[in-house]
Amino acid sequence: MNKHQSKKSLLPHWDGAVYSKYAAFSYEMVTRLSGWKAKLSKHALDSLEPCKTLDVGCGTGYLMNIANRKGFNITGIDPSQGMLKKAQEKYHFHSQQLVLSTANEMPFDDGEFDLIIASGSLVHVPNIDEAVVEIMRVLKTGGHLRIIDHAIPVEKNIFTPLVFFFSQASGDILHDYEGYFSKGCSMISTKTIGRAGYMQMFDFVKND
């Protein structure tokens, strides 16, 4: 049994079917109004050079579009057909750039990507052990993994309880990313970037 723990929310996590049916049409607006997009724009590609990149849980393609314009060779996966449809309609990606897939079983070769980014997606993956194995499989040795997501706050303020209720309502599962990825990766940095301590960024390098 894995010694690392994940803190589940009171409500069920939102899977791809839920996003397709209920959230895809409003996702763009919600992420903009909540400040999520602004944080991604500022931090997601900070200090990263263009390379072959996988966006795990690409949603409606906002981060992919930024990466595309900066010269990254970007591919995105998402388990929600509705989200991928919105991404195609809004940003007109090539068909091979958008792949219907979960993080637990990806249709890519071993070591195919130099960089993997997962932003706001792994909190919706209950069987995180499988996702860790797959992410490590498709990331090349020496490759960079960046996770931007909700995690248990280490820096709190007066708004932390409010974000806690938002996180609960969203069905977030707060994973111990350092613990889960420690077997195959070295964590090189972590920092809090917003949402009253919940939104954090973790950077890893895959070991030999």
C-alpha atoms as a PDB file:
ATOM      1  CA  MET A   1       0.000   0.000   0.000  1.00  0.00           C
ATOM      2  CA  ASN A   2       1.339   3.435  -0.903  1.00  0.00           C
ATOM      3  CA  LYS A   3       2.511   5.319   2.179  1.00  0.00           C
ATOM      4  CA  HIS A   4       1.602   8.668   0.630  1.00  0.00           C
ATOM      5  CA  GLN A   5      -1.804  10.075   1.356  1.00  0.00           C
ATOM      6  CA  SER A   6      -4.333  12.079  -0.630  1.00  0.00           C
ATOM      7  CA  LYS A   7      -6.946  14.233   1.076  1.00  0.00           C
ATOM      8  CA  LYS A   8     -10.324  13.702  -0.588  1.00  0.00           C
ATOM      9  CA  SER A   9     -13.097  16.275  -0.691  1.00  0.00           C
ATOM     10  CA  LEU A  10     -16.546  15.727   0.748  1.00  0.00           C
ATOM     11  CA  LEU A  11     -18.055  15.764  -2.763  1.00  0.00           C
ATOM     12  CA  PRO A  12     -17.091  13.355  -5.567  1.00  0.00           C
ATOM     13  CA  HIS A  13     -14.302  14.415  -7.931  1.00  0.00           C
ATOM     14  CA  TRP A  14     -15.311  15.787 -11.346  1.00  0.00           C
ATOM     15  CA  ASP A  15     -14.376  13.311 -14.057  1.00  0.00           C
ATOM     16  CA  GLY A  16     -14.302  13.838 -17.823  1.00  0.00           C
ATOM     17  CA  ALA A  17     -17.970  12.994 -18.277  1.00  0.00           C
ATOM     18  CA  VAL A  18     -19.007  15.589 -15.686  1.00  0.00           C
ATOM     19  CA  TYR A  19     -16.889  18.258 -17.334  1.00  0.00           C
ATOM     20  CA  SER A  20     -18.309  17.417 -20.764  1.00  0.00           C
ATOM     21  CA  LYS A  21     -21.897  17.548 -19.555  1.00  0.00           C
ATOM     22  CA  TYR A  22     -21.878  20.395 -17.049  1.00  0.00           C
ATOM     23  CA  ALA A  23     -18.679  22.447 -16.987  1.00  0.00           C
ATOM     24  CA  ALA A  24     -17.182  22.728 -20.476  1.00  0.00           C
ATOM     25  CA  PHE A  25     -19.474  25.575 -21.559  1.00  0.00           C
ATOM     26  CA  SER A  26     -18.588  27.764 -18.562  1.00  0.00           C
ATOM     27  CA  TYR A  27     -14.988  26.714 -17.891  1.00  0.00           C
ATOM     28  CA  GLU A  28     -13.404  29.590 -19.832  1.00  0.00           C
ATOM     29  CA  MET A  29     -15.380  32.218 -17.939  1.00  0.00           C
ATOM     30  CA  VAL A  30     -14.931  30.632 -14.506  1.00  0.00           C
ATOM     31  CA  THR A  31     -11.150  30.240 -14.849  1.00  0.00           C
ATOM     32  CA  ARG A  32     -10.824  33.831 -16.017  1.00  0.00           C
ATOM     33  CA  LEU A  33     -12.982  35.351 -13.275  1.00  0.00           C
ATOM     34  CA  SER A  34     -11.361  33.244 -10.560  1.00  0.00           C
ATOM     35  CA  GLY A  35      -7.867  34.405 -11.524  1.00  0.00           C
ATOM     36  CA  TRP A  36      -6.713  30.916 -12.533  1.00  0.00           C
ATOM     37  CA  LYS A  37      -5.874  32.024 -16.074  1.00  0.00           C
ATOM     38  CA  ALA A  38      -3.879  35.014 -14.866  1.00  0.00           C
ATOM     39  CA  LYS A  39      -1.791  32.760 -12.609  1.00  0.00           C
ATOM     40  CA  LEU A  40      -1.169  30.278 -15.421  1.00  0.00           C
ATOM     41  CA  SER A  41      -0.162  33.052 -17.792  1.00  0.00           C
ATOM     42  CA  LYS A  42       2.345  34.348 -15.258  1.00  0.00           C
ATOM     43  CA  HIS A  43       3.815  31.118 -13.898  1.00  0.00           C
ATOM     44  CA  ALA A  44       3.143  28.070 -16.074  1.00  0.00           C
ATOM     45  CA  LEU A  45       5.979  28.529 -18.567  1.00  0.00           C
ATOM     46  CA  ASP A  46       8.257  30.660 -16.404  1.00  0.00           C
ATOM     47  CA  SER A  47      11.959  29.784 -16.952  1.00  0.00           C
ATOM     48  CA  LEU A  48      11.070  27.016 -19.427  1.00  0.00           C
ATOM     49  CA  GLU A  49      12.521  26.797 -22.940  1.00  0.00           C
ATOM     50  CA  PRO A  50      10.482  25.645 -25.972  1.00  0.00           C
ATOM     51  CA  CYS A  51      10.582  21.870 -26.332  1.00  0.00           C
ATOM     52  CA  LYS A  52       8.333  18.870 -26.972  1.00  0.00           C
ATOM     53  CA  THR A  53       5.656  19.304 -24.317  1.00  0.00           C
ATOM     54  CA  LEU A  54       2.601  17.457 -23.028  1.00  0.00           C
ATOM     55  CA  ASP A  55      -0.223  19.307 -21.278  1.00  0.00           C
ATOM     56  CA  VAL A  56      -1.954  16.743 -19.035  1.00  0.00           C
ATOM     57  CA  GLY A  57      -5.556  17.836 -18.604  1.00  0.00           C
ATOM     58  CA  CYS A  58      -5.418  20.618 -21.173  1.00  0.00           C
ATOM     59  CA  GLY A  59      -9.076  21.582 -20.736  1.00  0.00           C
ATOM     60  CA  THR A  60     -10.150  24.248 -23.218  1.00  0.00           C
ATOM     61  CA  GLY A  61      -6.587  24.840 -24.387  1.00  0.00           C
ATOM     62  CA  TYR A  62      -5.683  28.142 -22.721  1.00  0.00           C
ATOM     63  CA  LEU A  63      -2.194  27.076 -21.626  1.00  0.00           C
ATOM     64  CA  MET A  64      -1.623  25.175 -24.868  1.00  0.00           C
ATOM     65  CA  ASN A  65      -2.307  28.340 -26.819  1.00  0.00           C
ATOM     66  CA  ILE A  66       0.233  30.317 -24.792  1.00  0.00           C
ATOM     67  CA  ALA A  67       2.825  27.552 -25.278  1.00  0.00           C
ATOM     68  CA  ASN A  68       2.059  27.333 -28.991  1.00  0.00           C
ATOM     69  CA  ARG A  69       2.691  31.036 -29.462  1.00  0.00           C
ATOM     70  CA  LYS A  70       5.987  30.782 -27.563  1.00  0.00           C
ATOM     71  CA  GLY A  71       7.275  28.054 -29.880  1.00  0.00           C
ATOM     72  CA  PHE A  72       6.626  24.956 -27.783  1.00  0.00           C
ATOM     73  CA  ASN A  73       5.783  21.750 -29.673  1.00  0.00           C
ATOM     74  CA  ILE A  74       2.668  21.177 -27.591  1.00  0.00           C
ATOM     75  CA  THR A  75       0.253  18.252 -27.329  1.00  0.00           C
ATOM     76  CA  GLY A  76      -2.680  18.196 -24.931  1.00  0.00           C
ATOM     77  CA  ILE A  77      -4.709  15.361 -23.447  1.00  0.00           C
ATOM     78  CA  ASP A  78      -8.018  15.557 -21.644  1.00  0.00           C
ATOM     79  CA  PRO A  79     -10.660  12.967 -20.668  1.00  0.00           C
ATOM     80  CA  SER A  80     -13.472  15.383 -21.580  1.00  0.00           C
ATOM     81  CA  GLN A  81     -14.593  15.411 -25.199  1.00  0.00           C
ATOM     82  CA  GLY A  82     -16.504  18.605 -24.461  1.00  0.00           C
ATOM     83  CA  MET A  83     -13.390  20.405 -23.257  1.00  0.00           C
ATOM     84  CA  LEU A  84     -11.372  19.302 -26.283  1.00  0.00           C
ATOM     85  CA  LYS A  85     -14.136  20.494 -28.584  1.00  0.00           C
ATOM     86  CA  LYS A  86     -14.015  23.936 -26.955  1.00  0.00           C
ATOM     87  CA  ALA A  87     -10.218  23.990 -27.342  1.00  0.00           C
ATOM     88  CA  GLN A  88     -10.473  23.161 -31.038  1.00  0.00           C
ATOM     89  CA  GLU A  89     -13.185  25.738 -31.671  1.00  0.00           C
ATOM     90  CA  LYS A  90     -11.392  28.546 -29.830  1.00  0.00           C
ATOM     91  CA  TYR A  91      -7.750  28.013 -30.802  1.00  0.00           C
ATOM     92  CA  HIS A  92      -7.891  25.875 -33.986  1.00  0.00           C
ATOM     93  CA  PHE A  93      -5.189  23.414 -32.977  1.00  0.00           C
ATOM     94  CA  HIS A  94      -4.083  20.720 -35.404  1.00  0.00           C
ATOM     95  CA  SER A  95      -6.089  17.549 -34.855  1.00  0.00           C
ATOM     96  CA  GLN A  96      -3.028  15.617 -33.619  1.00  0.00           C
ATOM     97  CA  GLN A  97      -2.420  18.205 -30.893  1.00  0.00           C
ATOM     98  CA  LEU A  98      -5.596  17.290 -28.993  1.00  0.00           C
ATOM     99  CA  VAL A  99      -5.940  13.741 -27.693  1.00  0.00           C
ATOM    100  CA  LEU A 100      -8.879  12.255 -25.793  1.00  0.00           C
ATOM    101  CA  SER A 101      -7.127  10.416 -22.969  1.00  0.00           C
ATOM    102  CA  THR A 102      -6.856  10.106 -19.219  1.00  0.00           C
ATOM    103  CA  ALA A 103      -3.601  10.603 -17.333  1.00  0.00           C
ATOM    104  CA  ASN A 104      -3.691   6.933 -16.354  1.00  0.00           C
ATOM    105  CA  GLU A 105      -3.287   5.423 -19.812  1.00  0.00           C
ATOM    106  CA  MET A 106      -1.714   7.641 -22.472  1.00  0.00           C
ATOM    107  CA  PRO A 107      -1.162   6.686 -26.128  1.00  0.00           C
ATOM    108  CA  PHE A 108       2.459   7.865 -26.313  1.00  0.00           C
ATOM    109  CA  ASP A 109       5.876   6.218 -26.535  1.00  0.00           C
ATOM    110  CA  ASP A 110       8.218   5.873 -23.588  1.00  0.00           C
ATOM    111  CA  GLY A 111      10.257   9.026 -23.045  1.00  0.00           C
ATOM    112  CA  GLU A 112       8.428  10.931 -25.764  1.00  0.00           C
ATOM    113  CA  PHE A 113       8.276  14.331 -24.032  1.00  0.00           C
ATOM    114  CA  ASP A 114      10.919  16.736 -22.754  1.00  0.00           C
ATOM    115  CA  LEU A 115       8.421  18.593 -20.562  1.00  0.00           C
ATOM    116  CA  ILE A 116       5.106  17.653 -18.968  1.00  0.00           C
ATOM    117  CA  ILE A 117       2.792  20.227 -17.418  1.00  0.00           C
ATOM    118  CA  ALA A 118      -0.282  19.351 -15.366  1.00  0.00           C
ATOM    119  CA  SER A 119      -2.320  22.353 -14.256  1.00  0.00           C
ATOM    120  CA  GLY A 120      -5.600  21.975 -12.396  1.00  0.00           C
ATOM    121  CA  SER A 121      -5.997  18.382 -13.529  1.00  0.00           C
ATOM    122  CA  LEU A 122      -4.431  15.892 -11.121  1.00  0.00           C
ATOM    123  CA  VAL A 123      -6.806  16.933  -8.335  1.00  0.00           C
ATOM    124  CA  HIS A 124      -9.442  15.097 -10.386  1.00  0.00           C
ATOM    125  CA  VAL A 125      -7.445  11.854 -10.607  1.00  0.00           C
ATOM    126  CA  PRO A 126      -8.377   9.500  -7.746  1.00  0.00           C
ATOM    127  CA  ASN A 127      -6.022   6.678  -8.759  1.00  0.00           C
ATOM    128  CA  ILE A 128      -2.958   8.924  -8.724  1.00  0.00           C
ATOM    129  CA  ASP A 129      -0.510   6.004  -8.511  1.00  0.00           C
ATOM    130  CA  GLU A 130      -1.398   4.970 -12.067  1.00  0.00           C
ATOM    131  CA  ALA A 131      -1.059   8.538 -13.320  1.00  0.00           C
ATOM    132  CA  VAL A 132       2.389   8.851 -11.731  1.00  0.00           C
ATOM    133  CA  VAL A 133       3.561   5.703 -13.517  1.00  0.00           C
ATOM    134  CA  GLU A 134       2.247   6.936 -16.876  1.00  0.00           C
ATOM    135  CA  ILE A 135       3.635  10.444 -16.512  1.00  0.00           C
ATOM    136  CA  MET A 136       7.038   9.013 -15.628  1.00  0.00           C
ATOM    137  CA  ARG A 137       6.848   6.611 -18.560  1.00  0.00           C
ATOM    138  CA  VAL A 138       6.249   9.252 -21.254  1.00  0.00           C
ATOM    139  CA  LEU A 139       8.694  11.801 -19.771  1.00  0.00           C
ATOM    140  CA  LYS A 140      12.277  11.381 -20.948  1.00  0.00           C
ATOM    141  CA  THR A 141      15.161  10.900 -18.520  1.00  0.00           C
ATOM    142  CA  GLY A 142      16.262  14.340 -17.383  1.00  0.00           C
ATOM    143  CA  GLY A 143      12.924  15.771 -18.473  1.00  0.00           C
ATOM    144  CA  HIS A 144      11.016  18.411 -16.535  1.00  0.00           C
ATOM    145  CA  LEU A 145       7.654  17.917 -14.815  1.00  0.00           C
ATOM    146  CA  ARG A 146       5.716  20.967 -13.628  1.00  0.00           C
ATOM    147  CA  ILE A 147       2.515  20.618 -11.603  1.00  0.00           C
ATOM    148  CA  ILE A 148       0.346  23.638 -10.856  1.00  0.00           C
ATOM    149  CA  ASP A 149      -2.581  22.623  -8.713  1.00  0.00           C
ATOM    150  CA  HIS A 150      -4.393  22.792  -5.411  1.00  0.00           C
ATOM    151  CA  ALA A 151      -2.491  21.191  -2.546  1.00  0.00           C
ATOM    152  CA  ILE A 152      -2.669  21.370   1.243  1.00  0.00           C
ATOM    153  CA  PRO A 153      -1.605  24.948   2.054  1.00  0.00           C
ATOM    154  CA  VAL A 154       1.725  25.660   3.697  1.00  0.00           C
ATOM    155  CA  GLU A 155       1.130  29.413   3.551  1.00  0.00           C
ATOM    156  CA  LYS A 156      -2.290  30.453   4.868  1.00  0.00           C
ATOM    157  CA  ASN A 157      -4.185  33.722   5.170  1.00  0.00           C
ATOM    158  CA  ILE A 158      -7.691  34.891   6.099  1.00  0.00           C
ATOM    159  CA  PHE A 159      -9.082  33.678   2.755  1.00  0.00           C
ATOM    160  CA  THR A 160      -7.844  30.096   3.146  1.00  0.00           C
ATOM    161  CA  PRO A 161     -11.147  28.825   4.657  1.00  0.00           C
ATOM    162  CA  LEU A 162     -13.070  30.327   1.725  1.00  0.00           C
ATOM    163  CA  VAL A 163     -10.867  28.570  -0.832  1.00  0.00           C
ATOM    164  CA  PHE A 164     -11.231  25.381   1.204  1.00  0.00           C
ATOM    165  CA  PHE A 165     -14.994  25.404   0.558  1.00  0.00           C
ATOM    166  CA  PHE A 166     -14.417  26.123  -3.153  1.00  0.00           C
ATOM    167  CA  SER A 167     -11.987  23.216  -3.346  1.00  0.00           C
ATOM    168  CA  GLN A 168     -14.455  20.928  -1.585  1.00  0.00           C
ATOM    169  CA  ALA A 169     -17.269  21.920  -3.949  1.00  0.00           C
ATOM    170  CA  SER A 170     -15.013  21.231  -6.941  1.00  0.00           C
ATOM    171  CA  GLY A 171     -14.345  17.700  -5.740  1.00  0.00           C
ATOM    172  CA  ASP A 172     -10.602  18.302  -5.453  1.00  0.00           C
ATOM    173  CA  ILE A 173      -8.349  15.506  -4.220  1.00  0.00           C
ATOM    174  CA  LEU A 174      -5.297  17.089  -2.581  1.00  0.00           C
ATOM    175  CA  HIS A 175      -2.329  14.865  -3.413  1.00  0.00           C
ATOM    176  CA  ASP A 176       1.107  14.743  -1.833  1.00  0.00           C
ATOM    177  CA  TYR A 177       2.928  15.412  -5.121  1.00  0.00           C
ATOM    178  CA  GLU A 178       6.404  15.413  -3.624  1.00  0.00           C
ATOM    179  CA  GLY A 179       5.723  12.049  -2.046  1.00  0.00           C
ATOM    180  CA  TYR A 180       4.091  10.409  -5.046  1.00  0.00           C
ATOM    181  CA  PHE A 181       6.735  11.497  -7.558  1.00  0.00           C
ATOM    182  CA  SER A 182       9.752  11.003  -5.282  1.00  0.00           C
ATOM    183  CA  LYS A 183      10.519   7.504  -6.577  1.00  0.00           C
ATOM    184  CA  GLY A 184      11.236   8.569 -10.147  1.00  0.00           C
ATOM    185  CA  CYS A 185      11.972  12.271  -9.788  1.00  0.00           C
ATOM    186  CA  SER A 186      13.854  14.842  -7.780  1.00  0.00           C
ATOM    187  CA  MET A 187      11.848  17.874  -6.727  1.00  0.00           C
ATOM    188  CA  ILE A 188      13.837  21.001  -7.568  1.00  0.00           C
ATOM    189  CA  SER A 189      11.433  23.678  -6.331  1.00  0.00           C
ATOM    190  CA  THR A 190       8.018  24.350  -4.885  1.00  0.00           C
ATOM    191  CA  LYS A 191       6.203  27.599  -4.202  1.00  0.00           C
ATOM    192  CA  THR A 192       2.788  28.964  -3.369  1.00  0.00           C
ATOM    193  CA  ILE A 193       1.388  31.118  -6.153  1.00  0.00           C
ATOM    194  CA  GLY A 194      -2.172  31.939  -5.121  1.00  0.00           C
ATOM    195  CA  ARG A 195      -5.650  31.046  -3.910  1.00  0.00           C
ATOM    196  CA  ALA A 196      -4.891  31.667  -0.237  1.00  0.00           C
ATOM    197  CA  GLY A 197      -2.157  29.054  -0.219  1.00  0.00           C
ATOM    198  CA  TYR A 198      -3.969  26.313  -2.113  1.00  0.00           C
ATOM    199  CA  MET A 199      -2.552  26.990  -5.591  1.00  0.00           C
ATOM    200  CA  GLN A 200       1.018  25.698  -5.623  1.00  0.00           C
ATOM    201  CA  MET A 201       3.674  24.964  -8.230  1.00  0.00           C
ATOM    202  CA  PHE A 202       5.923  21.902  -8.038  1.00  0.00           C
ATOM    203  CA  ASP A 203       8.928  21.350 -10.305  1.00  0.00           C
ATOM    204  CA  PHE A 204      10.585  17.963 -10.767  1.00  0.00           C
ATOM    205  CA  VAL A 205      13.334  16.461 -12.903  1.00  0.00           C
ATOM    206  CA  LYS A 206      13.131  12.788 -13.885  1.00  0.00           C
ATOM    207  CA  ASN A 207      16.068  10.774 -12.561  1.00  0.00           C
ATOM    208  CA  ASP A 208      18.217   8.321 -14.509  1.00  0.00           C
END
